Amino acid sequence: MKKEKVVLAYSGGLDTSVILTWLKETYGVEVIAVCVNVGQEEDYDEVKKKALATGATSAYVVDVVEEFITDYVFPTLKASAVYEDDYLLGTSFARPLIAKKLVEIAEKEGAVGIAHGATGKGNDQVRFEATIKALNPHLKIIAPWRIWDLKSREDCIEYAKKHNIPIAVTKEKIYSRDQNIWHISHEGGNLEDPWNEHDESIYMMSVSPKNAPDMPEFVEIEFEKGIPVKVNGEEYNPVEMVNLLNKLAGKNGVGTIDIIENRLVGMKSRGIYETPGGTILFKAHNSLEKLTLDRDTLSFKKTVAQKYAQLVYDGLWYTPLREALSKFVDSTQECVTGKVKMKLYKGNCTAVATDSPFSLYNEEFVTFGEDDVYNQKDAEGFINLFALPLTIRAIMNEKKAKKEQDTI
């Protein structure tokens, strides 16, 4: 009788290597290992070889780095979506894309389900499974960390030794990390006590600001309809651009944050996030929007950005609301075209100059000198009408006070 197939989101690390063997032993299935390349630094040939050596029937390595940037990063950038004012969503918007590829391969292979290595305490389980349910609700989902008897990394190491699973990890490993082209996160270890200052030696994409160059570096970003297209006047494809900005920002100590965040599952967690190039792009984009968007649109867009960030963080990428908000965002970006000069200096990233053919700033109108558009005498009538509710309230308070005085 032909065995059923299960697709496994596979990284080659300890957890997914153990899960691969566990799936075969527990369910008697064929395991299709799928490693989705979103820009993490891996030897993908070795990952594929390891999956097959561990017992996978077949193994895929899927390169989606450019799709990740164009279809997930840039829409979120245009939305100015930042979770809880700090987090640029590096892990969050990679998960829906990874899950999408898992579904596509499951359908191609005729698999009955998808397995993942996300724990029962984190956000990723929701992001993976919500996407799978949105794209193919008929696929079964297997989340070993929620059902097996292994309770820790130490248990996984013992399981791997017992089953001769090749691993390159020890019990002394400190941090849990997630990396893609946009960022890297560090969690666990001594970071679990929020009173502990994090050790700057953990940085992998950037340097400590104190070790950054003593002279500032300037970089010019050019946007077309909210999308970055040039750096210092030279056009780059999305992957090249993000890689270049990661290097520029990283060597200047830009883009590292240490935050406490609210997980979707109800607990707080602490993480160190390095997002060097992304920090430049977000700050440059925000600066250009201030030049090209009117006050009401910019104000309402901030409300949209907050909701957009929450949807992305919660794994709700493939939802009607997120899609509708993206359409609104796209309409606001029609005039977000222009250049921004950014100053990078010892961890700081500051917009120092902006220019756009759609700029709403006009020196002739804001000057203290005379102009043909604005008559300063008109301000008196405007202020009278603008402050009319305050005037009426003051008059009513006077009448109330007089009435109370008369009754004494």
Protein backbone atom coordinates (compact mmCIF):
# COMPACT_ATOMS: atom_id res chain seq x y z
CA MET A 1 0.00 0.00 0.00
CA LYS A 2 1.41 3.39 -1.01
CA LYS A 3 2.39 5.60 1.91
CA GLU A 4 0.83 9.01 2.38
CA LYS A 5 3.05 12.05 1.98
CA VAL A 6 3.61 14.92 4.39
CA VAL A 7 5.47 18.12 3.52
CA LEU A 8 7.84 19.36 6.23
CA ALA A 9 9.05 22.95 6.56
CA TYR A 10 12.70 22.02 6.85
CA SER A 11 15.74 24.09 7.83
CA GLY A 12 18.27 21.39 8.57
CA GLY A 13 18.53 22.49 12.19
CA LEU A 14 18.00 20.39 15.28
CA ASP A 15 14.22 20.68 15.54
CA THR A 16 13.30 19.93 11.93
CA SER A 17 15.87 17.13 11.67
CA VAL A 18 14.27 15.42 14.67
CA ILE A 19 10.77 16.13 13.34
CA LEU A 20 11.59 14.47 10.02
CA THR A 21 12.45 11.19 11.73
CA TRP A 22 9.61 11.52 14.23
CA LEU A 23 7.03 11.93 11.44
CA LYS A 24 8.21 8.74 9.76
CA GLU A 25 8.19 6.77 13.00
CA THR A 26 4.91 8.13 14.32
CA TYR A 27 2.78 8.19 11.18
CA GLY A 28 4.61 5.92 8.75
CA VAL A 29 4.54 8.60 6.06
CA GLU A 30 6.87 9.72 3.33
CA VAL A 31 8.36 13.09 4.24
CA ILE A 32 8.95 15.75 1.60
CA ALA A 33 11.46 18.23 3.05
CA VAL A 34 11.07 21.80 1.84
CA CYS A 35 13.60 24.54 2.63
CA VAL A 36 12.41 27.98 1.54
CA ASN A 37 15.20 30.45 0.90
CA VAL A 38 14.14 33.93 2.00
CA GLY A 39 17.71 35.12 2.26
CA GLN A 40 19.03 33.28 5.31
CA GLU A 41 22.69 32.33 5.15
CA GLU A 42 22.77 28.59 4.50
CA ASP A 43 24.64 26.04 2.44
CA TYR A 44 21.55 24.91 0.59
CA ASP A 45 23.24 21.98 -1.11
CA GLU A 46 24.19 20.66 2.31
CA VAL A 47 20.68 21.27 3.64
CA LYS A 48 19.24 19.20 0.81
CA LYS A 49 21.82 16.42 1.30
CA LYS A 50 21.13 16.35 5.04
CA ALA A 51 17.38 16.04 4.50
CA LEU A 52 17.84 13.06 2.23
CA ALA A 53 20.42 11.51 4.57
CA THR A 54 17.99 11.91 7.47
CA GLY A 55 15.31 10.00 5.59
CA ALA A 56 13.33 12.43 3.44
CA THR A 57 11.83 10.86 0.31
CA SER A 58 12.68 14.03 -1.60
CA ALA A 59 13.91 17.52 -0.79
CA TYR A 60 13.21 20.93 -2.28
CA VAL A 61 15.13 24.18 -1.94
CA VAL A 62 12.95 27.05 -3.15
CA ASP A 63 14.52 30.47 -3.77
CA VAL A 64 11.91 33.18 -3.13
CA VAL A 65 14.17 36.05 -2.02
CA GLU A 66 13.07 38.49 -4.72
CA GLU A 67 9.40 37.56 -4.33
CA PHE A 68 9.77 38.10 -0.60
CA ILE A 69 11.02 41.65 -1.10
CA THR A 70 8.68 42.72 -3.91
CA ASP A 71 5.44 41.07 -2.72
CA TYR A 72 5.78 41.22 1.06
CA VAL A 73 8.50 43.64 2.19
CA PHE A 74 7.72 46.51 -0.19
CA PRO A 75 3.93 46.49 0.39
CA THR A 76 4.60 46.65 4.13
CA LEU A 77 7.15 49.42 3.58
CA LYS A 78 4.61 51.43 1.57
CA ALA A 79 2.12 50.96 4.39
CA SER A 80 4.71 52.24 6.94
CA ALA A 81 3.67 49.26 9.06
CA VAL A 82 5.72 48.86 12.25
CA TYR A 83 4.52 46.60 15.06
CA GLU A 84 4.29 48.34 18.44
CA ASP A 85 6.33 51.29 17.15
CA ASP A 86 9.56 49.29 16.90
CA TYR A 87 9.47 45.97 15.08
CA LEU A 88 9.88 46.05 11.27
CA LEU A 89 8.18 42.64 10.98
CA GLY A 90 11.17 40.74 9.61
CA THR A 91 10.00 37.27 10.66
CA SER A 92 6.30 38.04 10.46
CA PHE A 93 5.91 38.62 6.73
CA ALA A 94 8.33 35.84 5.76
CA ARG A 95 6.08 33.16 7.28
CA PRO A 96 3.07 33.60 4.94
CA LEU A 97 5.35 33.30 1.91
CA ILE A 98 7.05 30.18 3.30
CA ALA A 99 3.65 28.64 4.06
CA LYS A 100 2.43 29.52 0.56
CA LYS A 101 5.33 27.56 -0.96
CA LEU A 102 4.67 24.62 1.37
CA VAL A 103 1.07 24.52 0.14
CA GLU A 104 2.14 24.69 -3.51
CA ILE A 105 4.54 21.76 -3.10
CA ALA A 106 2.02 19.78 -1.05
CA GLU A 107 -0.47 20.14 -3.89
CA LYS A 108 2.16 19.24 -6.48
CA GLU A 109 3.25 16.12 -4.54
CA GLY A 110 -0.26 15.04 -3.58
CA ALA A 111 0.59 15.32 0.11
CA VAL A 112 -2.13 15.00 2.74
CA GLY A 113 -0.60 17.45 5.18
CA ILE A 114 2.06 19.92 6.21
CA ALA A 115 4.27 19.77 9.30
CA HIS A 116 6.21 22.61 10.89
CA GLY A 117 8.61 23.09 13.79
CA ALA A 118 7.03 26.13 15.42
CA THR A 119 6.45 25.82 19.14
CA GLY A 120 3.14 26.08 20.94
CA LYS A 121 4.20 29.28 22.68
CA GLY A 122 5.12 31.40 19.66
CA ASN A 123 3.56 33.42 16.89
CA ASP A 124 4.89 31.36 14.00
CA GLN A 125 2.48 28.47 14.53
CA VAL A 126 -0.38 30.91 13.91
CA ARG A 127 1.28 32.49 10.89
CA PHE A 128 1.97 29.15 9.23
CA GLU A 129 -1.38 27.59 9.97
CA ALA A 130 -3.56 30.61 9.21
CA THR A 131 -1.91 30.81 5.79
CA ILE A 132 -2.33 27.09 5.11
CA LYS A 133 -6.00 27.26 6.07
CA ALA A 134 -6.49 30.32 3.85
CA LEU A 135 -4.87 28.70 0.81
CA ASN A 136 -5.88 25.05 1.19
CA PRO A 137 -8.14 24.17 4.12
CA HIS A 138 -8.12 20.47 3.17
CA LEU A 139 -4.48 19.94 4.15
CA LYS A 140 -3.87 18.45 7.57
CA ILE A 141 -1.48 20.32 9.86
CA ILE A 142 0.99 18.58 12.14
CA ALA A 143 2.70 20.63 14.85
CA PRO A 144 4.95 18.17 16.74
CA TRP A 145 5.90 20.60 19.52
CA ARG A 146 2.25 20.64 20.57
CA ILE A 147 1.78 16.86 20.68
CA TRP A 148 5.01 14.90 21.16
CA ASP A 149 6.72 13.91 24.42
CA LEU A 150 9.88 15.94 23.77
CA LYS A 151 9.79 19.03 26.00
CA SER A 152 13.12 20.78 25.39
CA ARG A 153 16.10 21.17 23.11
CA GLU A 154 17.96 18.79 25.39
CA ASP A 155 15.29 16.15 24.75
CA CYS A 156 15.67 16.72 21.02
CA ILE A 157 19.43 16.26 21.22
CA GLU A 158 18.99 12.98 23.07
CA TYR A 159 16.40 11.84 20.49
CA ALA A 160 18.78 12.72 17.66
CA LYS A 161 21.62 10.74 19.23
CA LYS A 162 19.37 7.75 19.83
CA HIS A 163 18.21 7.72 16.20
CA ASN A 164 21.60 8.59 14.65
CA ILE A 165 20.33 11.87 13.25
CA PRO A 166 23.23 14.07 12.12
CA ILE A 167 23.19 17.32 14.09
CA ALA A 168 25.67 20.13 14.61
CA VAL A 169 24.27 21.52 17.83
CA THR A 170 25.09 21.11 21.49
CA LYS A 171 23.24 21.73 24.72
CA GLU A 172 25.32 24.86 25.16
CA LYS A 173 23.64 26.73 22.28
CA ILE A 174 22.33 29.95 23.78
CA TYR A 175 20.13 31.89 21.37
CA SER A 176 17.23 31.08 19.10
CA ARG A 177 17.65 32.96 15.83
CA ASP A 178 15.62 33.62 12.72
CA GLN A 179 17.24 35.17 9.67
CA ASN A 180 16.26 36.35 6.22
CA ILE A 181 17.50 39.04 3.86
CA TRP A 182 15.54 41.69 5.78
CA HIS A 183 16.65 40.96 9.35
CA ILE A 184 17.91 38.61 12.00
CA SER A 185 16.33 38.07 15.42
CA HIS A 186 17.92 36.82 18.63
CA GLU A 187 15.80 35.37 21.44
CA GLY A 188 16.23 33.13 24.48
CA GLY A 189 19.23 32.57 26.70
CA ASN A 190 20.08 35.44 29.03
CA LEU A 191 17.70 37.69 27.06
CA GLU A 192 14.79 36.04 28.85
CA ASP A 193 15.54 38.21 31.88
CA PRO A 194 14.66 41.77 30.81
CA TRP A 195 17.03 43.16 33.43
CA ASN A 196 20.02 41.69 31.59
CA GLU A 197 21.69 44.07 29.16
CA HIS A 198 22.20 42.23 25.90
CA ASP A 199 25.70 41.29 24.83
CA GLU A 200 26.68 43.21 21.69
CA SER A 201 28.81 40.27 20.55
CA ILE A 202 25.59 38.60 19.32
CA TYR A 203 25.31 41.03 16.37
CA MET A 204 25.54 39.33 13.00
CA MET A 205 24.39 41.93 10.47
CA SER A 206 25.75 45.06 12.10
CA VAL A 207 28.32 46.44 14.50
CA SER A 208 27.89 48.18 17.81
CA PRO A 209 27.43 51.95 17.33
CA LYS A 210 30.51 52.57 19.46
CA ASN A 211 32.56 50.55 16.95
CA ALA A 212 31.09 52.30 13.90
CA PRO A 213 33.16 54.82 11.88
CA ASP A 214 33.79 58.20 13.48
CA MET A 215 32.68 60.03 10.31
CA PRO A 216 29.07 60.06 9.07
CA GLU A 217 28.13 58.40 5.81
CA PHE A 218 25.47 59.75 3.47
CA VAL A 219 23.25 57.63 1.25
CA GLU A 220 20.59 58.82 -1.20
CA ILE A 221 17.47 56.71 -1.75
CA GLU A 222 15.19 57.34 -4.72
CA PHE A 223 11.57 56.18 -4.71
CA GLU A 224 8.93 55.75 -7.41
CA LYS A 225 5.35 55.49 -6.10
CA GLY A 226 6.62 54.42 -2.70
CA ILE A 227 9.01 51.76 -4.00
CA PRO A 228 12.79 52.27 -3.62
CA VAL A 229 14.48 52.01 -7.02
CA LYS A 230 17.89 53.70 -6.76
CA VAL A 231 20.71 54.10 -4.26
CA ASN A 232 23.11 57.01 -4.78
CA GLY A 233 21.71 57.51 -8.27
CA GLU A 234 22.30 53.92 -9.39
CA GLU A 235 19.46 51.52 -10.13
CA TYR A 236 19.44 48.14 -8.37
CA ASN A 237 17.13 45.16 -8.40
CA PRO A 238 15.35 44.56 -5.06
CA VAL A 239 17.75 41.87 -3.81
CA GLU A 240 20.86 43.84 -4.71
CA MET A 241 19.44 46.97 -3.10
CA VAL A 242 18.59 45.38 0.23
CA ASN A 243 21.96 43.62 0.38
CA LEU A 244 23.77 46.89 -0.35
CA LEU A 245 21.82 48.85 2.25
CA ASN A 246 22.36 46.09 4.82
CA LYS A 247 26.11 46.54 4.40
CA LEU A 248 25.99 50.34 4.50
CA ALA A 249 23.74 50.48 7.54
CA GLY A 250 25.35 47.52 9.28
CA LYS A 251 28.85 49.00 9.28
CA ASN A 252 27.41 52.21 10.76
CA GLY A 253 25.60 50.39 13.57
CA VAL A 254 22.15 51.29 12.25
CA GLY A 255 18.98 49.27 12.75
CA THR A 256 19.42 47.22 15.95
CA ILE A 257 16.68 47.30 18.58
CA ASP A 258 16.15 45.60 21.95
CA ILE A 259 12.43 45.31 22.64
CA ILE A 260 9.74 43.69 24.72
CA GLU A 261 6.81 42.79 22.47
CA ASN A 262 3.34 41.38 22.95
CA ARG A 263 3.00 38.01 21.27
CA LEU A 264 -0.31 37.09 19.70
CA VAL A 265 -0.67 34.10 22.04
CA GLY A 266 -0.87 36.38 25.07
CA MET A 267 2.59 36.58 26.60
CA LYS A 268 5.38 39.10 26.34
CA SER A 269 8.76 38.22 24.87
CA ARG A 270 12.07 39.95 24.45
CA GLY A 271 14.08 40.04 21.27
CA ILE A 272 17.11 41.71 19.71
CA TYR A 273 16.34 42.56 16.09
CA GLU A 274 18.87 43.68 13.50
CA THR A 275 17.24 45.31 10.46
CA PRO A 276 19.97 47.54 9.03
CA GLY A 277 18.91 48.21 5.43
CA GLY A 278 15.24 48.11 6.30
CA THR A 279 15.69 50.88 8.85
CA ILE A 280 17.14 53.17 6.17
CA LEU A 281 14.26 52.42 3.80
CA PHE A 282 11.53 52.92 6.40
CA LYS A 283 12.90 56.22 7.64
CA ALA A 284 13.56 57.50 4.13
CA HIS A 285 10.07 56.52 2.97
CA ASN A 286 8.43 58.18 5.98
CA SER A 287 10.38 61.37 5.31
CA LEU A 288 9.28 61.46 1.67
CA GLU A 289 5.64 60.94 2.65
CA LYS A 290 5.82 63.97 4.93
CA LEU A 291 6.83 66.02 1.90
CA THR A 292 4.23 64.64 -0.52
CA LEU A 293 1.10 63.69 1.46
CA ASP A 294 -1.45 66.15 2.82
CA ARG A 295 -2.16 66.27 6.53
CA ASP A 296 -5.43 64.31 6.56
CA THR A 297 -4.13 61.52 4.33
CA LEU A 298 -0.92 61.20 6.32
CA SER A 299 -2.83 61.17 9.60
CA PHE A 300 -5.30 58.51 8.48
CA LYS A 301 -2.53 56.45 6.92
CA LYS A 302 -0.88 56.22 10.34
CA THR A 303 -4.05 54.57 11.63
CA VAL A 304 -4.00 52.18 8.68
CA ALA A 305 -0.31 51.44 9.30
CA GLN A 306 -0.99 50.37 12.86
CA LYS A 307 -3.75 47.96 11.81
CA TYR A 308 -1.69 46.72 8.86
CA ALA A 309 1.23 45.92 11.18
CA GLN A 310 -1.03 44.02 13.55
CA LEU A 311 -2.47 41.93 10.71
CA VAL A 312 1.00 41.08 9.42
CA TYR A 313 2.30 40.27 12.90
CA ASP A 314 -0.71 38.04 13.58
CA GLY A 315 -0.20 36.04 10.37
CA LEU A 316 -3.27 37.44 8.64
CA TRP A 317 -1.62 38.30 5.33
CA TYR A 318 -4.13 36.41 3.20
CA THR A 319 -7.21 38.18 4.48
CA PRO A 320 -9.72 40.53 2.83
CA LEU A 321 -8.85 43.34 5.23
CA ARG A 322 -5.10 43.22 4.58
CA GLU A 323 -5.74 43.17 0.84
CA ALA A 324 -8.18 46.09 1.10
CA LEU A 325 -5.75 48.11 3.19
CA SER A 326 -3.04 47.48 0.59
CA LYS A 327 -5.29 48.97 -2.07
CA PHE A 328 -5.76 52.09 0.04
CA VAL A 329 -2.02 52.29 0.64
CA ASP A 330 -1.29 51.96 -3.08
CA SER A 331 -3.61 54.89 -3.80
CA THR A 332 -1.67 57.06 -1.33
CA GLN A 333 1.64 56.22 -3.00
CA GLU A 334 0.89 57.71 -6.42
CA CYS A 335 2.84 60.84 -5.56
CA VAL A 336 5.41 59.34 -3.18
CA THR A 337 8.17 59.79 -5.72
CA GLY A 338 11.43 61.56 -5.08
CA LYS A 339 14.80 61.44 -3.34
CA VAL A 340 15.84 61.36 0.30
CA LYS A 341 19.35 61.86 1.62
CA MET A 342 20.03 59.84 4.77
CA LYS A 343 22.82 60.46 7.26
CA LEU A 344 24.23 57.35 8.95
CA TYR A 345 26.29 57.90 12.05
CA LYS A 346 27.01 55.59 14.98
CA GLY A 347 23.61 53.92 15.14
CA ASN A 348 21.62 56.96 14.05
CA CYS A 349 19.79 57.15 10.74
CA THR A 350 18.41 60.59 9.92
CA ALA A 351 16.81 62.15 6.85
CA VAL A 352 18.68 65.38 6.14
CA ALA A 353 17.28 66.33 2.71
CA THR A 354 14.22 65.50 0.61
CA ASP A 355 13.11 66.38 -2.90
CA SER A 356 10.09 65.41 -4.98
CA PRO A 357 8.33 66.63 -8.14
CA PHE A 358 5.12 66.19 -6.11
CA SER A 359 6.29 68.14 -3.09
CA LEU A 360 3.53 69.98 -1.22
CA TYR A 361 6.10 72.29 0.30
CA ASN A 362 6.33 75.64 -1.46
CA GLU A 363 8.82 78.19 -0.24
CA GLU A 364 6.77 81.03 -1.77
CA PHE A 365 3.82 80.20 0.47
CA VAL A 366 5.64 79.72 3.78
CA THR A 367 7.94 82.70 3.49
CA PHE A 368 7.42 85.63 5.88
CA GLY A 369 7.51 87.89 2.86
CA GLU A 370 4.57 88.93 0.70
CA ASP A 371 3.08 86.49 -1.79
CA ASP A 372 0.12 86.36 -4.19
CA VAL A 373 -1.63 83.36 -2.68
CA TYR A 374 -1.92 84.03 1.03
CA ASN A 375 -3.37 87.24 2.48
CA GLN A 376 -2.42 87.39 6.15
CA LYS A 377 -5.55 89.41 6.92
CA ASP A 378 -7.64 86.35 6.01
CA ALA A 379 -6.21 84.55 9.04
CA GLU A 380 -8.35 86.62 11.41
CA GLY A 381 -11.62 85.30 10.01
CA PHE A 382 -10.25 81.77 9.89
CA ILE A 383 -9.22 81.93 13.55
CA ASN A 384 -12.62 83.33 14.56
CA LEU A 385 -14.41 80.39 12.92
CA PHE A 386 -11.85 77.80 14.00
CA ALA A 387 -12.05 78.92 17.63
CA LEU A 388 -15.82 79.50 17.61
CA PRO A 389 -16.60 76.44 19.81
CA LEU A 390 -14.09 77.71 22.36
CA THR A 391 -15.63 81.18 22.28
CA ILE A 392 -19.16 79.80 22.77
CA ARG A 393 -17.97 77.59 25.64
CA ALA A 394 -16.31 80.54 27.35
CA ILE A 395 -19.51 82.65 27.04
CA MET A 396 -21.63 79.79 28.45
CA ASN A 397 -19.22 79.37 31.38
CA GLU A 398 -19.48 83.09 32.10
CA LYS A 399 -23.29 82.88 32.12
CA LYS A 400 -23.18 79.81 34.37
CA ALA A 401 -20.82 81.50 36.80
CA LYS A 402 -22.98 84.65 36.89
CA LYS A 403 -26.11 82.61 37.51
CA GLU A 404 -24.45 80.77 40.39
CA GLN A 405 -23.26 84.08 41.82
CA ASP A 406 -26.76 85.53 41.67
CA THR A 407 -28.19 82.61 43.69
CA ILE A 408 -25.80 83.18 46.57
